[in-house]
């Protein structure tokens, strides 16, 4: 089973999406590398795809497609831009929630944007990161 991170980055009522394939828009994210911290994976994926360095603020949700036995476990985080550090590997755009619904290639993208309004802060307990 693989782990995937995606980040809902919002700025001024607009959301950062990337174009994965012609006309196929999604939240920035990707696979977590073996031994990689989830938060660092989320930051790395956003930076690689968009050129933005983000602060991961908290957890939106954790989910898996129940009808697909090999689907990855997806950690969705809420993030905010710290800085523009370069060019990303994918075309990206800041779009409104309505446009997310019109352009997103995955049906869950709009649901994740809406869920992101209720994100939770990541807590630390001794040497553990508690995501929920």
N, C-alpha and C. Protein backbone atom coordinates (compact mmCIF):
# COMPACT_ATOMS: atom_id res chain seq x y z
N UNK A 1 0.85 -1.17 0.00
CA UNK A 1 0.00 0.00 0.00
C UNK A 1 0.90 1.24 0.00
N UNK A 2 0.54 2.22 -0.79
CA UNK A 2 1.34 3.44 -0.85
C UNK A 2 0.63 4.58 -0.11
N UNK A 3 1.43 5.56 0.24
CA UNK A 3 0.91 6.77 0.89
C UNK A 3 1.06 7.93 -0.07
N UNK A 4 0.04 8.77 -0.12
CA UNK A 4 0.03 9.95 -0.98
C UNK A 4 -0.34 11.16 -0.13
N UNK A 5 0.27 12.29 -0.43
CA UNK A 5 -0.08 13.55 0.22
C UNK A 5 -0.62 14.51 -0.82
N UNK A 6 -1.63 15.29 -0.45
CA UNK A 6 -2.12 16.40 -1.26
C UNK A 6 -2.29 17.59 -0.33
N UNK A 7 -2.19 18.78 -0.89
CA UNK A 7 -2.26 19.99 -0.06
C UNK A 7 -3.26 20.96 -0.68
N UNK A 8 -4.22 21.39 0.14
CA UNK A 8 -5.14 22.45 -0.25
C UNK A 8 -4.48 23.76 0.15
N UNK A 9 -4.02 24.52 -0.83
CA UNK A 9 -3.38 25.80 -0.58
C UNK A 9 -4.36 26.88 -1.00
N UNK A 10 -4.75 27.71 -0.03
CA UNK A 10 -5.73 28.77 -0.29
C UNK A 10 -5.09 30.12 -0.03
N UNK A 11 -5.41 31.07 -0.90
CA UNK A 11 -4.95 32.44 -0.73
C UNK A 11 -5.99 33.36 -1.33
N UNK A 12 -6.60 34.19 -0.49
CA UNK A 12 -7.58 35.15 -0.98
C UNK A 12 -8.77 34.50 -1.67
N UNK A 13 -9.32 33.44 -1.11
CA UNK A 13 -10.48 32.72 -1.65
C UNK A 13 -10.20 32.06 -3.00
N UNK A 14 -8.93 31.82 -3.28
CA UNK A 14 -8.52 31.09 -4.48
C UNK A 14 -7.66 29.91 -4.04
N UNK A 15 -7.70 28.86 -4.85
CA UNK A 15 -7.02 27.62 -4.51
C UNK A 15 -5.99 27.29 -5.58
N UNK A 16 -4.86 26.75 -5.14
CA UNK A 16 -3.77 26.41 -6.04
C UNK A 16 -3.98 25.01 -6.59
N UNK A 17 -4.15 24.91 -7.90
CA UNK A 17 -4.29 23.63 -8.57
C UNK A 17 -3.20 23.50 -9.63
N UNK A 18 -2.88 22.24 -9.96
CA UNK A 18 -1.88 21.97 -10.99
C UNK A 18 -2.53 21.19 -12.12
N UNK A 19 -1.99 21.38 -13.32
CA UNK A 19 -2.49 20.65 -14.48
C UNK A 19 -1.61 19.42 -14.68
N UNK A 20 -2.16 18.26 -14.37
CA UNK A 20 -1.39 17.01 -14.49
C UNK A 20 -1.33 16.53 -15.93
N UNK A 21 -2.42 16.59 -16.62
CA UNK A 21 -2.48 16.24 -18.04
C UNK A 21 -3.32 17.32 -18.70
N UNK A 22 -3.31 17.39 -19.99
CA UNK A 22 -4.06 18.44 -20.69
C UNK A 22 -5.47 18.55 -20.16
N UNK A 23 -5.73 19.66 -19.49
CA UNK A 23 -7.07 19.92 -18.99
C UNK A 23 -7.46 19.16 -17.74
N UNK A 24 -6.54 18.39 -17.15
CA UNK A 24 -6.83 17.58 -15.96
C UNK A 24 -6.19 18.27 -14.76
N UNK A 25 -6.98 18.96 -13.96
CA UNK A 25 -6.49 19.76 -12.86
C UNK A 25 -6.68 19.05 -11.52
N UNK A 26 -5.73 19.22 -10.61
CA UNK A 26 -5.78 18.54 -9.32
C UNK A 26 -5.04 19.38 -8.27
N UNK A 27 -5.21 18.99 -7.02
CA UNK A 27 -4.44 19.59 -5.94
C UNK A 27 -2.99 19.13 -6.07
N UNK A 28 -2.03 19.97 -5.70
CA UNK A 28 -0.64 19.52 -5.75
C UNK A 28 -0.41 18.41 -4.73
N UNK A 29 0.38 17.43 -5.13
CA UNK A 29 0.67 16.33 -4.22
C UNK A 29 1.29 15.16 -4.95
N UNK A 30 1.53 14.10 -4.21
CA UNK A 30 2.12 12.91 -4.82
C UNK A 30 2.52 11.90 -3.77
N UNK A 31 3.30 10.91 -4.20
CA UNK A 31 3.68 9.80 -3.33
C UNK A 31 4.70 10.20 -2.27
N UNK A 32 4.54 9.58 -1.10
CA UNK A 32 5.49 9.75 -0.01
C UNK A 32 6.61 8.74 -0.22
N UNK A 33 7.84 9.20 -0.13
CA UNK A 33 9.00 8.32 -0.28
C UNK A 33 9.21 7.49 0.99
N UNK A 34 9.80 6.34 0.84
CA UNK A 34 10.07 5.47 1.99
C UNK A 34 10.93 6.23 3.00
N UNK A 35 10.48 6.25 4.24
CA UNK A 35 11.20 6.92 5.31
C UNK A 35 10.99 8.42 5.38
N UNK A 36 10.18 8.98 4.49
CA UNK A 36 9.97 10.43 4.45
C UNK A 36 8.86 10.85 5.40
N UNK A 37 9.06 11.93 6.09
CA UNK A 37 8.06 12.55 6.96
C UNK A 37 6.89 13.05 6.09
N UNK A 38 5.66 12.84 6.55
CA UNK A 38 4.49 13.24 5.77
C UNK A 38 4.47 14.74 5.47
N UNK A 39 4.80 15.55 6.46
CA UNK A 39 4.79 17.00 6.28
C UNK A 39 5.84 17.42 5.26
N UNK A 40 7.02 16.86 5.37
CA UNK A 40 8.08 17.19 4.41
C UNK A 40 7.71 16.70 3.01
N UNK A 41 7.06 15.56 2.92
CA UNK A 41 6.61 15.07 1.62
C UNK A 41 5.61 16.04 1.00
N UNK A 42 4.69 16.54 1.81
CA UNK A 42 3.69 17.50 1.32
C UNK A 42 4.37 18.78 0.83
N UNK A 43 5.30 19.30 1.61
CA UNK A 43 6.02 20.51 1.21
C UNK A 43 6.82 20.28 -0.06
N UNK A 44 7.51 19.13 -0.13
CA UNK A 44 8.33 18.80 -1.30
C UNK A 44 7.47 18.73 -2.56
N UNK A 45 6.34 18.02 -2.47
CA UNK A 45 5.48 17.86 -3.64
C UNK A 45 4.95 19.21 -4.14
N UNK A 46 4.51 20.07 -3.23
CA UNK A 46 4.02 21.38 -3.65
C UNK A 46 5.14 22.18 -4.28
N UNK A 47 6.32 22.16 -3.67
CA UNK A 47 7.47 22.91 -4.20
C UNK A 47 7.87 22.40 -5.58
N UNK A 48 7.95 21.06 -5.74
CA UNK A 48 8.34 20.50 -7.03
C UNK A 48 7.34 20.83 -8.13
N UNK A 49 6.07 20.72 -7.81
CA UNK A 49 5.04 20.89 -8.84
C UNK A 49 4.71 22.35 -9.14
N UNK A 50 4.81 23.24 -8.12
CA UNK A 50 4.34 24.61 -8.31
C UNK A 50 5.43 25.68 -8.17
N UNK A 51 6.53 25.35 -7.50
CA UNK A 51 7.54 26.36 -7.22
C UNK A 51 7.27 27.15 -5.96
N UNK A 52 6.19 26.84 -5.24
CA UNK A 52 5.86 27.53 -3.99
C UNK A 52 6.36 26.72 -2.80
N UNK A 53 6.94 27.43 -1.82
CA UNK A 53 7.25 26.81 -0.55
C UNK A 53 6.05 27.09 0.35
N UNK A 54 5.49 26.03 0.96
CA UNK A 54 4.30 26.20 1.79
C UNK A 54 4.57 25.79 3.22
N UNK A 55 3.79 26.38 4.10
CA UNK A 55 3.74 25.95 5.49
C UNK A 55 2.53 25.03 5.59
N UNK A 56 2.75 23.81 6.05
CA UNK A 56 1.64 22.88 6.26
C UNK A 56 1.03 23.23 7.61
N UNK A 57 -0.23 23.68 7.59
CA UNK A 57 -0.88 24.17 8.79
C UNK A 57 -1.60 23.09 9.58
N UNK A 58 -2.13 22.09 8.88
CA UNK A 58 -2.89 21.07 9.58
C UNK A 58 -3.45 20.03 8.64
N UNK A 59 -4.29 19.18 9.19
CA UNK A 59 -4.88 18.05 8.47
C UNK A 59 -6.30 18.39 8.06
N UNK A 60 -6.63 18.08 6.82
CA UNK A 60 -8.00 18.19 6.34
C UNK A 60 -8.69 16.84 6.55
N UNK A 61 -8.10 15.78 6.02
CA UNK A 61 -8.65 14.44 6.19
C UNK A 61 -7.65 13.39 5.72
N UNK A 62 -7.96 12.16 6.05
CA UNK A 62 -7.20 11.00 5.57
C UNK A 62 -8.24 10.08 4.95
N UNK A 63 -7.98 9.61 3.72
CA UNK A 63 -8.99 8.77 3.08
C UNK A 63 -8.35 7.75 2.14
N UNK A 64 -9.17 6.79 1.76
CA UNK A 64 -8.79 5.78 0.77
C UNK A 64 -10.04 5.41 -0.02
N UNK A 65 -9.89 5.19 -1.31
CA UNK A 65 -11.02 4.76 -2.14
C UNK A 65 -11.39 3.34 -1.72
N UNK A 66 -12.57 3.15 -1.18
CA UNK A 66 -12.95 1.84 -0.65
C UNK A 66 -13.24 0.81 -1.74
N UNK A 67 -13.54 1.26 -2.94
CA UNK A 67 -13.85 0.32 -4.03
C UNK A 67 -12.62 -0.12 -4.82
N UNK A 68 -11.44 0.33 -4.39
CA UNK A 68 -10.20 -0.02 -5.08
C UNK A 68 -9.21 -0.59 -4.06
N UNK A 69 -8.99 -1.91 -4.05
CA UNK A 69 -8.15 -2.53 -3.02
C UNK A 69 -6.68 -2.11 -3.07
N UNK A 70 -6.21 -1.53 -4.16
CA UNK A 70 -4.81 -1.10 -4.22
C UNK A 70 -4.67 0.43 -4.18
N UNK A 71 -5.76 1.11 -3.88
CA UNK A 71 -5.72 2.57 -3.81
C UNK A 71 -4.82 3.02 -2.65
N UNK A 72 -4.09 4.11 -2.84
CA UNK A 72 -3.23 4.59 -1.76
C UNK A 72 -4.05 5.21 -0.63
N UNK A 73 -3.43 5.31 0.52
CA UNK A 73 -4.01 6.09 1.61
C UNK A 73 -3.56 7.52 1.36
N UNK A 74 -4.53 8.44 1.35
CA UNK A 74 -4.24 9.84 1.01
C UNK A 74 -4.36 10.71 2.26
N UNK A 75 -3.30 11.46 2.55
CA UNK A 75 -3.30 12.44 3.63
C UNK A 75 -3.48 13.81 2.98
N UNK A 76 -4.58 14.46 3.29
CA UNK A 76 -4.85 15.79 2.73
C UNK A 76 -4.57 16.83 3.80
N UNK A 77 -3.68 17.76 3.48
CA UNK A 77 -3.28 18.80 4.42
C UNK A 77 -3.75 20.17 3.93
N UNK A 78 -3.82 21.11 4.86
CA UNK A 78 -4.10 22.51 4.57
C UNK A 78 -2.76 23.24 4.63
N UNK A 79 -2.51 24.09 3.65
CA UNK A 79 -1.24 24.81 3.63
C UNK A 79 -1.41 26.25 3.20
N UNK A 80 -0.40 27.05 3.51
CA UNK A 80 -0.38 28.43 3.04
C UNK A 80 1.00 28.74 2.49
N UNK A 81 1.02 29.63 1.52
CA UNK A 81 2.27 29.98 0.84
C UNK A 81 3.18 30.77 1.78
N UNK A 82 4.44 30.33 1.83
CA UNK A 82 5.48 31.08 2.53
C UNK A 82 6.26 31.94 1.55
N UNK A 83 6.56 31.34 0.37
CA UNK A 83 7.44 32.03 -0.58
C UNK A 83 7.36 31.35 -1.94
N UNK A 84 7.67 32.09 -2.98
CA UNK A 84 7.83 31.52 -4.32
C UNK A 84 9.32 31.28 -4.48
N UNK A 85 9.70 30.00 -4.68
CA UNK A 85 11.12 29.65 -4.68
C UNK A 85 11.64 29.22 -6.05
N UNK A 86 10.78 29.21 -7.04
CA UNK A 86 11.22 28.81 -8.37
C UNK A 86 10.05 28.45 -9.25
N UNK A 87 10.38 27.80 -10.34
CA UNK A 87 9.35 27.33 -11.27
C UNK A 87 9.03 25.89 -10.94
N UNK A 88 7.77 25.55 -10.99
CA UNK A 88 7.36 24.19 -10.75
C UNK A 88 7.43 23.35 -12.01
N UNK A 89 7.30 22.05 -11.83
CA UNK A 89 7.36 21.14 -12.97
C UNK A 89 6.02 21.06 -13.72
N UNK A 90 4.96 21.58 -13.11
CA UNK A 90 3.63 21.55 -13.74
C UNK A 90 3.07 22.96 -13.84
N UNK A 91 2.19 23.15 -14.79
CA UNK A 91 1.46 24.41 -14.89
C UNK A 91 0.54 24.49 -13.68
N UNK A 92 0.49 25.66 -13.05
CA UNK A 92 -0.41 25.83 -11.91
C UNK A 92 -1.22 27.11 -12.08
N UNK A 93 -2.32 27.17 -11.34
CA UNK A 93 -3.21 28.32 -11.43
C UNK A 93 -3.95 28.48 -10.12
N UNK A 94 -4.26 29.72 -9.78
CA UNK A 94 -5.08 30.05 -8.61
C UNK A 94 -6.51 30.22 -9.09
N UNK A 95 -7.42 29.38 -8.60
CA UNK A 95 -8.79 29.43 -9.09
C UNK A 95 -9.79 29.44 -7.93
N UNK A 96 -10.98 29.93 -8.21
CA UNK A 96 -12.03 30.00 -7.19
C UNK A 96 -12.62 28.62 -6.93
N UNK A 97 -13.36 28.51 -5.85
CA UNK A 97 -14.00 27.23 -5.52
C UNK A 97 -14.93 26.78 -6.65
N UNK A 98 -15.65 27.72 -7.24
CA UNK A 98 -16.54 27.38 -8.36
C UNK A 98 -15.74 26.81 -9.53
N UNK A 99 -14.61 27.43 -9.84
CA UNK A 99 -13.76 26.96 -10.92
C UNK A 99 -13.14 25.59 -10.61
N UNK A 100 -12.87 25.32 -9.33
CA UNK A 100 -12.37 24.00 -8.94
C UNK A 100 -13.37 22.95 -9.39
N UNK A 101 -14.66 23.19 -9.10
CA UNK A 101 -15.70 22.26 -9.50
C UNK A 101 -15.79 22.07 -11.00
N UNK A 102 -15.47 23.09 -11.76
CA UNK A 102 -15.57 23.04 -13.21
C UNK A 102 -14.34 22.40 -13.86
N UNK A 103 -13.17 22.57 -13.25
CA UNK A 103 -11.92 22.15 -13.90
C UNK A 103 -11.27 20.90 -13.33
N UNK A 104 -11.61 20.54 -12.10
CA UNK A 104 -10.91 19.44 -11.44
C UNK A 104 -11.14 18.12 -12.15
N UNK A 105 -10.07 17.34 -12.28
CA UNK A 105 -10.15 16.05 -12.93
C UNK A 105 -10.60 14.93 -12.01
N UNK A 106 -10.34 15.06 -10.71
CA UNK A 106 -10.78 14.06 -9.74
C UNK A 106 -12.05 14.58 -9.06
N UNK A 107 -13.05 13.72 -8.89
CA UNK A 107 -14.28 14.19 -8.24
C UNK A 107 -14.06 14.62 -6.79
N UNK A 108 -13.06 14.05 -6.12
CA UNK A 108 -12.86 14.41 -4.71
C UNK A 108 -12.17 15.75 -4.52
N UNK A 109 -11.62 16.35 -5.56
CA UNK A 109 -10.90 17.61 -5.41
C UNK A 109 -11.79 18.70 -4.83
N UNK A 110 -12.99 18.87 -5.36
CA UNK A 110 -13.90 19.89 -4.83
C UNK A 110 -14.30 19.55 -3.40
N UNK A 111 -14.52 18.28 -3.11
CA UNK A 111 -14.87 17.89 -1.73
C UNK A 111 -13.75 18.22 -0.76
N UNK A 112 -12.49 18.00 -1.19
CA UNK A 112 -11.36 18.31 -0.32
C UNK A 112 -11.23 19.82 -0.10
N UNK A 113 -11.47 20.60 -1.13
CA UNK A 113 -11.44 22.06 -0.98
C UNK A 113 -12.49 22.49 0.04
N UNK A 114 -13.68 21.93 -0.06
CA UNK A 114 -14.76 22.29 0.88
C UNK A 114 -14.44 21.80 2.29
N UNK A 115 -13.90 20.59 2.41
CA UNK A 115 -13.51 20.06 3.73
C UNK A 115 -12.38 20.88 4.36
N UNK A 116 -11.56 21.51 3.54
CA UNK A 116 -10.39 22.23 4.06
C UNK A 116 -10.78 23.41 4.95
N UNK A 117 -12.02 23.82 4.90
CA UNK A 117 -12.48 24.91 5.75
C UNK A 117 -12.55 24.47 7.22
N UNK A 118 -12.48 23.15 7.45
CA UNK A 118 -12.56 22.61 8.81
C UNK A 118 -11.29 21.85 9.19
N UNK A 119 -10.15 22.31 8.72
CA UNK A 119 -8.89 21.62 8.99
C UNK A 119 -8.55 21.66 10.47
N UNK A 120 -7.69 20.71 10.89
CA UNK A 120 -7.26 20.60 12.29
C UNK A 120 -5.75 20.76 12.38
N UNK A 121 -5.35 21.43 13.42
CA UNK A 121 -3.92 21.64 13.66
C UNK A 121 -3.23 20.32 14.00
N UNK A 122 -2.01 20.16 13.53
CA UNK A 122 -1.21 18.98 13.86
C UNK A 122 -0.63 19.19 15.26
N UNK A 123 -0.82 18.21 16.10
CA UNK A 123 -0.35 18.30 17.49
C UNK A 123 0.93 17.49 17.63
N UNK A 124 1.72 17.85 18.61
CA UNK A 124 2.91 17.07 18.93
C UNK A 124 2.76 16.55 20.34
N UNK A 125 3.07 15.28 20.51
CA UNK A 125 3.02 14.65 21.82
C UNK A 125 4.32 13.87 21.97
N UNK A 126 5.21 14.40 22.79
CA UNK A 126 6.54 13.83 22.95
C UNK A 126 7.19 13.71 21.56
N UNK A 127 7.51 12.50 21.11
CA UNK A 127 8.17 12.35 19.82
C UNK A 127 7.21 11.95 18.71
N UNK A 128 5.90 12.08 18.95
CA UNK A 128 4.89 11.71 17.95
C UNK A 128 4.24 12.95 17.36
N UNK A 129 3.89 12.87 16.08
CA UNK A 129 3.03 13.87 15.46
C UNK A 129 1.64 13.25 15.43
N UNK A 130 0.67 13.91 16.03
CA UNK A 130 -0.69 13.41 16.09
C UNK A 130 -1.49 14.18 15.05
N UNK A 131 -1.94 13.49 14.00
CA UNK A 131 -2.57 14.17 12.88
C UNK A 131 -4.04 14.45 13.11
N UNK A 132 -4.71 13.71 13.96
CA UNK A 132 -6.12 13.99 14.22
C UNK A 132 -6.41 13.99 15.70
